[in-house]
Amino acid sequence: MMPRLGNRYDIEMETIEKPKDEYMTDEYFELDLPVAPAVMVGEEIIVEGSDISRRKLEAAIKANINPIVTDEK
């Protein structure tokens, strides 16, 4: 889902994947990041601790940036 949205909107995406145990360390909690799995758009946490629908993710992206004009439907 993310590569398609990256092609549709002028956004930079970063995906961080780690073993679940690494998200449960004191060091991770000290970083003050959202509970994994999480999605952030800019500095806003859209969802944490669960998955997100494409519709909700795309709405959050649209609220924060301008779309690239494409013929994709």
PDB file of N, CA and C in Angstrom:
ATOM      1  N   MET A   1       0.830  -1.193   0.000  1.00  0.00           N
ATOM      2  CA  MET A   1       0.000   0.000   0.000  1.00  0.00           C
ATOM      3  C   MET A   1       0.874   1.255   0.000  1.00  0.00           C
ATOM      4  N   MET A   2       1.927   1.275   0.788  1.00  0.00           N
ATOM      5  CA  MET A   2       2.723   2.495   0.907  1.00  0.00           C
ATOM      6  C   MET A   2       3.419   2.892  -0.384  1.00  0.00           C
ATOM      7  N   PRO A   3       4.011   1.963  -1.153  1.00  0.00           N
ATOM      8  CA  PRO A   3       4.638   2.408  -2.405  1.00  0.00           C
ATOM      9  C   PRO A   3       3.653   3.082  -3.355  1.00  0.00           C
ATOM     10  N   ARG A   4       2.440   2.574  -3.443  1.00  0.00           N
ATOM     11  CA  ARG A   4       1.440   3.204  -4.325  1.00  0.00           C
ATOM     12  C   ARG A   4       1.092   4.596  -3.843  1.00  0.00           C
ATOM     13  N   LEU A   5       0.941   4.773  -2.547  1.00  0.00           N
ATOM     14  CA  LEU A   5       0.623   6.101  -2.028  1.00  0.00           C
ATOM     15  C   LEU A   5       1.806   7.045  -2.201  1.00  0.00           C
ATOM     16  N   GLY A   6       3.023   6.523  -2.116  1.00  0.00           N
ATOM     17  CA  GLY A   6       4.205   7.336  -2.347  1.00  0.00           C
ATOM     18  C   GLY A   6       4.290   7.833  -3.778  1.00  0.00           C
ATOM     19  N   ASN A   7       3.807   7.023  -4.717  1.00  0.00           N
ATOM     20  CA  ASN A   7       3.771   7.445  -6.113  1.00  0.00           C
ATOM     21  C   ASN A   7       2.670   8.465  -6.360  1.00  0.00           C
ATOM     22  N   ARG A   8       1.636   8.399  -5.589  1.00  0.00           N
ATOM     23  CA  ARG A   8       0.487   9.275  -5.800  1.00  0.00           C
ATOM     24  C   ARG A   8       0.665  10.647  -5.139  1.00  0.00           C
ATOM     25  N   TYR A   9       1.393  10.684  -4.036  1.00  0.00           N
ATOM     26  CA  TYR A   9       1.586  11.928  -3.279  1.00  0.00           C
ATOM     27  C   TYR A   9       3.068  12.224  -3.163  1.00  0.00           C
ATOM     28  N   ASP A  10       3.389  13.485  -3.091  1.00  0.00           N
ATOM     29  CA  ASP A  10       4.780  13.909  -2.964  1.00  0.00           C
ATOM     30  C   ASP A  10       5.187  13.812  -1.497  1.00  0.00           C
ATOM     31  N   ILE A  11       5.484  12.588  -1.073  1.00  0.00           N
ATOM     32  CA  ILE A  11       5.822  12.361   0.330  1.00  0.00           C
ATOM     33  C   ILE A  11       7.043  11.470   0.442  1.00  0.00           C
ATOM     34  N   GLU A  12       7.735  11.624   1.532  1.00  0.00           N
ATOM     35  CA  GLU A  12       8.863  10.755   1.860  1.00  0.00           C
ATOM     36  C   GLU A  12       8.354   9.746   2.881  1.00  0.00           C
ATOM     37  N   MET A  13       8.628   8.472   2.639  1.00  0.00           N
ATOM     38  CA  MET A  13       8.184   7.428   3.546  1.00  0.00           C
ATOM     39  C   MET A  13       9.381   6.751   4.170  1.00  0.00           C
ATOM     40  N   GLU A  14       9.218   6.392   5.412  1.00  0.00           N
ATOM     41  CA  GLU A  14      10.243   5.637   6.108  1.00  0.00           C
ATOM     42  C   GLU A  14       9.556   4.473   6.812  1.00  0.00           C
ATOM     43  N   THR A  15      10.039   3.293   6.559  1.00  0.00           N
ATOM     44  CA  THR A  15       9.507   2.103   7.205  1.00  0.00           C
ATOM     45  C   THR A  15      10.580   1.545   8.118  1.00  0.00           C
ATOM     46  N   ILE A  16      10.214   1.330   9.360  1.00  0.00           N
ATOM     47  CA  ILE A  16      11.143   0.766  10.328  1.00  0.00           C
ATOM     48  C   ILE A  16      10.554  -0.554  10.809  1.00  0.00           C
ATOM     49  N   GLU A  17      11.285  -1.614  10.584  1.00  0.00           N
ATOM     50  CA  GLU A  17      10.844  -2.935  11.020  1.00  0.00           C
ATOM     51  C   GLU A  17      11.895  -3.533  11.930  1.00  0.00           C
ATOM     52  N   LYS A  18      11.451  -3.982  13.083  1.00  0.00           N
ATOM     53  CA  LYS A  18      12.339  -4.618  14.061  1.00  0.00           C
ATOM     54  C   LYS A  18      11.588  -5.783  14.677  1.00  0.00           C
ATOM     55  N   PRO A  19      12.319  -6.702  15.269  1.00  0.00           N
ATOM     56  CA  PRO A  19      11.638  -7.764  16.018  1.00  0.00           C
ATOM     57  C   PRO A  19      10.814  -7.154  17.158  1.00  0.00           C
ATOM     58  N   LYS A  20       9.696  -7.764  17.451  1.00  0.00           N
ATOM     59  CA  LYS A  20       8.780  -7.239  18.472  1.00  0.00           C
ATOM     60  C   LYS A  20       9.487  -6.987  19.806  1.00  0.00           C
ATOM     61  N   ASP A  21      10.426  -7.845  20.176  1.00  0.00           N
ATOM     62  CA  ASP A  21      11.129  -7.688  21.454  1.00  0.00           C
ATOM     63  C   ASP A  21      11.875  -6.358  21.551  1.00  0.00           C
ATOM     64  N   GLU A  22      12.358  -5.851  20.425  1.00  0.00           N
ATOM     65  CA  GLU A  22      13.084  -4.576  20.448  1.00  0.00           C
ATOM     66  C   GLU A  22      12.170  -3.395  20.756  1.00  0.00           C
ATOM     67  N   TYR A  23      10.893  -3.535  20.475  1.00  0.00           N
ATOM     68  CA  TYR A  23       9.931  -2.467  20.787  1.00  0.00           C
ATOM     69  C   TYR A  23       9.511  -2.482  22.248  1.00  0.00           C
ATOM     70  N   MET A  24       9.890  -3.505  22.974  1.00  0.00           N
ATOM     71  CA  MET A  24       9.480  -3.645  24.364  1.00  0.00           C
ATOM     72  C   MET A  24      10.594  -3.321  25.359  1.00  0.00           C
ATOM     73  N   THR A  25      11.653  -2.682  24.894  1.00  0.00           N
ATOM     74  CA  THR A  25      12.778  -2.369  25.770  1.00  0.00           C
ATOM     75  C   THR A  25      12.614  -0.984  26.396  1.00  0.00           C
ATOM     76  N   ASP A  26      13.302  -0.781  27.494  1.00  0.00           N
ATOM     77  CA  ASP A  26      13.301   0.535  28.137  1.00  0.00           C
ATOM     78  C   ASP A  26      13.892   1.596  27.207  1.00  0.00           C
ATOM     79  N   GLU A  27      14.904   1.200  26.441  1.00  0.00           N
ATOM     80  CA  GLU A  27      15.548   2.134  25.520  1.00  0.00           C
ATOM     81  C   GLU A  27      14.552   2.633  24.470  1.00  0.00           C
ATOM     82  N   TYR A  28      13.702   1.752  23.958  1.00  0.00           N
ATOM     83  CA  TYR A  28      12.705   2.164  22.961  1.00  0.00           C
ATOM     84  C   TYR A  28      11.701   3.132  23.582  1.00  0.00           C
ATOM     85  N   PHE A  29      11.223   2.828  24.787  1.00  0.00           N
ATOM     86  CA  PHE A  29      10.248   3.703  25.438  1.00  0.00           C
ATOM     87  C   PHE A  29      10.839   5.071  25.744  1.00  0.00           C
ATOM     88  N   GLU A  30      12.143   5.148  25.989  1.00  0.00           N
ATOM     89  CA  GLU A  30      12.798   6.428  26.243  1.00  0.00           C
ATOM     90  C   GLU A  30      12.836   7.316  24.999  1.00  0.00           C
ATOM     91  N   LEU A  31      12.691   6.716  23.816  1.00  0.00           N
ATOM     92  CA  LEU A  31      12.680   7.496  22.578  1.00  0.00           C
ATOM     93  C   LEU A  31      11.377   8.265  22.388  1.00  0.00           C
ATOM     94  N   ASP A  32      10.357   7.953  23.190  1.00  0.00           N
ATOM     95  CA  ASP A  32       9.054   8.615  23.140  1.00  0.00           C
ATOM     96  C   ASP A  32       8.393   8.467  21.768  1.00  0.00           C
ATOM     97  N   LEU A  33       8.571   7.289  21.179  1.00  0.00           N
ATOM     98  CA  LEU A  33       7.929   6.974  19.902  1.00  0.00           C
ATOM     99  C   LEU A  33       6.625   6.231  20.173  1.00  0.00           C
ATOM    100  N   PRO A  34       5.723   6.174  19.202  1.00  0.00           N
ATOM    101  CA  PRO A  34       4.453   5.469  19.411  1.00  0.00           C
ATOM    102  C   PRO A  34       4.653   3.959  19.540  1.00  0.00           C
ATOM    103  N   VAL A  35       3.666   3.313  20.130  1.00  0.00           N
ATOM    104  CA  VAL A  35       3.677   1.856  20.288  1.00  0.00           C
ATOM    105  C   VAL A  35       3.534   1.214  18.913  1.00  0.00           C
ATOM    106  N   ALA A  36       4.408   0.288  18.606  1.00  0.00           N
ATOM    107  CA  ALA A  36       4.369  -0.395  17.297  1.00  0.00           C
ATOM    108  C   ALA A  36       3.257  -1.437  17.269  1.00  0.00           C
ATOM    109  N   PRO A  37       2.643  -1.705  16.137  1.00  0.00           N
ATOM    110  CA  PRO A  37       2.830  -0.989  14.885  1.00  0.00           C
ATOM    111  C   PRO A  37       2.177   0.388  14.959  1.00  0.00           C
ATOM    112  N   ALA A  38       2.758   1.315  14.245  1.00  0.00           N
ATOM    113  CA  ALA A  38       2.248   2.681  14.278  1.00  0.00           C
ATOM    114  C   ALA A  38       2.440   3.344  12.922  1.00  0.00           C
ATOM    115  N   VAL A  39       1.622   4.362  12.684  1.00  0.00           N
ATOM    116  CA  VAL A  39       1.748   5.167  11.475  1.00  0.00           C
ATOM    117  C   VAL A  39       1.729   6.628  11.911  1.00  0.00           C
ATOM    118  N   MET A  40       2.751   7.353  11.441  1.00  0.00           N
ATOM    119  CA  MET A  40       2.815   8.785  11.701  1.00  0.00           C
ATOM    120  C   MET A  40       2.810   9.509  10.364  1.00  0.00           C
ATOM    121  N   VAL A  41       2.111  10.628  10.306  1.00  0.00           N
ATOM    122  CA  VAL A  41       2.155  11.515   9.149  1.00  0.00           C
ATOM    123  C   VAL A  41       2.675  12.834   9.697  1.00  0.00           C
ATOM    124  N   GLY A  42       3.886  13.176   9.281  1.00  0.00           N
ATOM    125  CA  GLY A  42       4.547  14.329   9.882  1.00  0.00           C
ATOM    126  C   GLY A  42       4.837  13.991  11.336  1.00  0.00           C
ATOM    127  N   GLU A  43       4.445  14.843  12.226  1.00  0.00           N
ATOM    128  CA  GLU A  43       4.640  14.600  13.656  1.00  0.00           C
ATOM    129  C   GLU A  43       3.407  14.004  14.316  1.00  0.00           C
ATOM    130  N   GLU A  44       2.335  13.837  13.544  1.00  0.00           N
ATOM    131  CA  GLU A  44       1.066  13.348  14.084  1.00  0.00           C
ATOM    132  C   GLU A  44       1.004  11.819  14.053  1.00  0.00           C
ATOM    133  N   ILE A  45       0.661  11.226  15.188  1.00  0.00           N
ATOM    134  CA  ILE A  45       0.456   9.786  15.262  1.00  0.00           C
ATOM    135  C   ILE A  45      -0.962   9.508  14.782  1.00  0.00           C
ATOM    136  N   ILE A  46      -1.074   8.789  13.675  1.00  0.00           N
ATOM    137  CA  ILE A  46      -2.381   8.483  13.106  1.00  0.00           C
ATOM    138  C   ILE A  46      -2.970   7.257  13.781  1.00  0.00           C
ATOM    139  N   VAL A  47      -2.148   6.249  14.008  1.00  0.00           N
ATOM    140  CA  VAL A  47      -2.589   5.044  14.695  1.00  0.00           C
ATOM    141  C   VAL A  47      -1.382   4.405  15.368  1.00  0.00           C
ATOM    142  N   GLU A  48      -1.590   3.822  16.523  1.00  0.00           N
ATOM    143  CA  GLU A  48      -0.520   3.073  17.173  1.00  0.00           C
ATOM    144  C   GLU A  48      -1.090   1.835  17.839  1.00  0.00           C
ATOM    145  N   GLY A  49      -0.334   0.764  17.762  1.00  0.00           N
ATOM    146  CA  GLY A  49      -0.750  -0.495  18.369  1.00  0.00           C
ATOM    147  C   GLY A  49      -1.722  -1.305  17.532  1.00  0.00           C
ATOM    148  N   SER A  50      -1.998  -0.863  16.301  1.00  0.00           N
ATOM    149  CA  SER A  50      -2.900  -1.613  15.429  1.00  0.00           C
ATOM    150  C   SER A  50      -2.640  -1.234  13.978  1.00  0.00           C
ATOM    151  N   ASP A  51      -3.297  -1.935  13.070  1.00  0.00           N
ATOM    152  CA  ASP A  51      -3.172  -1.634  11.650  1.00  0.00           C
ATOM    153  C   ASP A  51      -4.063  -0.452  11.281  1.00  0.00           C
ATOM    154  N   ILE A  52      -3.918   0.014  10.038  1.00  0.00           N
ATOM    155  CA  ILE A  52      -4.695   1.151   9.549  1.00  0.00           C
ATOM    156  C   ILE A  52      -5.240   0.804   8.167  1.00  0.00           C
ATOM    157  N   SER A  53      -6.427   1.294   7.880  1.00  0.00           N
ATOM    158  CA  SER A  53      -6.992   1.070   6.549  1.00  0.00           C
ATOM    159  C   SER A  53      -6.362   2.049   5.559  1.00  0.00           C
ATOM    160  N   ARG A  54      -6.369   1.668   4.298  1.00  0.00           N
ATOM    161  CA  ARG A  54      -5.837   2.563   3.262  1.00  0.00           C
ATOM    162  C   ARG A  54      -6.618   3.869   3.250  1.00  0.00           C
ATOM    163  N   ARG A  55      -7.917   3.798   3.404  1.00  0.00           N
ATOM    164  CA  ARG A  55      -8.761   4.998   3.371  1.00  0.00           C
ATOM    165  C   ARG A  55      -8.360   5.986   4.474  1.00  0.00           C
ATOM    166  N   LYS A  56      -8.149   5.484   5.688  1.00  0.00           N
ATOM    167  CA  LYS A  56      -7.788   6.361   6.799  1.00  0.00           C
ATOM    168  C   LYS A  56      -6.382   6.941   6.596  1.00  0.00           C
ATOM    169  N   LEU A  57      -5.456   6.116   6.114  1.00  0.00           N
ATOM    170  CA  LEU A  57      -4.100   6.595   5.858  1.00  0.00           C
ATOM    171  C   LEU A  57      -4.093   7.656   4.763  1.00  0.00           C
ATOM    172  N   GLU A  58      -4.821   7.409   3.688  1.00  0.00           N
ATOM    173  CA  GLU A  58      -4.857   8.371   2.591  1.00  0.00           C
ATOM    174  C   GLU A  58      -5.514   9.676   3.037  1.00  0.00           C
ATOM    175  N   ALA A  59      -6.526   9.615   3.864  1.00  0.00           N
ATOM    176  CA  ALA A  59      -7.166  10.833   4.372  1.00  0.00           C
ATOM    177  C   ALA A  59      -6.179  11.646   5.205  1.00  0.00           C
ATOM    178  N   ALA A  60      -5.371  10.973   6.007  1.00  0.00           N
ATOM    179  CA  ALA A  60      -4.371  11.674   6.825  1.00  0.00           C
ATOM    180  C   ALA A  60      -3.316  12.324   5.943  1.00  0.00           C
ATOM    181  N   ILE A  61      -2.904  11.622   4.902  1.00  0.00           N
ATOM    182  CA  ILE A  61      -1.918  12.186   3.973  1.00  0.00           C
ATOM    183  C   ILE A  61      -2.503  13.406   3.271  1.00  0.00           C
ATOM    184  N   LYS A  62      -3.720  13.275   2.772  1.00  0.00           N
ATOM    185  CA  LYS A  62      -4.364  14.396   2.070  1.00  0.00           C
ATOM    186  C   LYS A  62      -4.495  15.625   2.956  1.00  0.00           C
ATOM    187  N   ALA A  63      -4.728  15.413   4.228  1.00  0.00           N
ATOM    188  CA  ALA A  63      -4.889  16.534   5.149  1.00  0.00           C
ATOM    189  C   ALA A  63      -3.574  17.273   5.397  1.00  0.00           C
ATOM    190  N   ASN A  64      -2.453  16.628   5.049  1.00  0.00           N
ATOM    191  CA  ASN A  64      -1.149  17.209   5.351  1.00  0.00           C
ATOM    192  C   ASN A  64      -0.341  17.646   4.147  1.00  0.00           C
ATOM    193  N   ILE A  65      -0.697  17.200   2.938  1.00  0.00           N
ATOM    194  CA  ILE A  65       0.081  17.558   1.747  1.00  0.00           C
ATOM    195  C   ILE A  65      -0.813  17.736   0.548  1.00  0.00           C
ATOM    196  N   ASN A  66      -0.231  18.193  -0.544  1.00  0.00           N
ATOM    197  CA  ASN A  66      -0.950  18.348  -1.808  1.00  0.00           C
ATOM    198  C   ASN A  66      -0.692  17.140  -2.704  1.00  0.00           C
ATOM    199  N   PRO A  67      -1.722  16.596  -3.341  1.00  0.00           N
ATOM    200  CA  PRO A  67      -1.518  15.440  -4.214  1.00  0.00           C
ATOM    201  C   PRO A  67      -0.825  15.818  -5.521  1.00  0.00           C
ATOM    202  N   ILE A  68      -0.137  14.826  -6.090  1.00  0.00           N
ATOM    203  CA  ILE A  68       0.441  14.963  -7.416  1.00  0.00           C
ATOM    204  C   ILE A  68      -0.684  14.651  -8.399  1.00  0.00           C
ATOM    205  N   VAL A  69      -0.810  15.415  -9.450  1.00  0.00           N
ATOM    206  CA  VAL A  69      -1.854  15.176 -10.447  1.00  0.00           C
ATOM    207  C   VAL A  69      -1.464  13.958 -11.275  1.00  0.00           C
ATOM    208  N   THR A  70      -2.327  12.928 -11.279  1.00  0.00           N
ATOM    209  CA  THR A  70      -2.082  11.719 -12.073  1.00  0.00           C
ATOM    210  C   THR A  70      -3.373  11.278 -12.709  1.00  0.00           C
ATOM    211  N   ASP A  71      -3.268  10.362 -13.647  1.00  0.00           N
ATOM    212  CA  ASP A  71      -4.439   9.786 -14.282  1.00  0.00           C
ATOM    213  C   ASP A  71      -4.886   8.513 -13.574  1.00  0.00           C
ATOM    214  N   GLU A  72      -4.203   8.125 -12.501  1.00  0.00           N
ATOM    215  CA  GLU A  72      -4.531   6.914 -11.772  1.00  0.00           C
ATOM    216  C   GLU A  72      -5.922   6.999 -11.178  1.00  0.00           C
ATOM    217  N   LYS A  73      -6.686   5.936 -11.334  1.00  0.00           N
ATOM    218  CA  LYS A  73      -8.046   5.907 -10.784  1.00  0.00           C
ATOM    219  C   LYS A  73      -8.227   4.700  -9.920  1.00  0.00           C
TER     220      LYS A  73
END
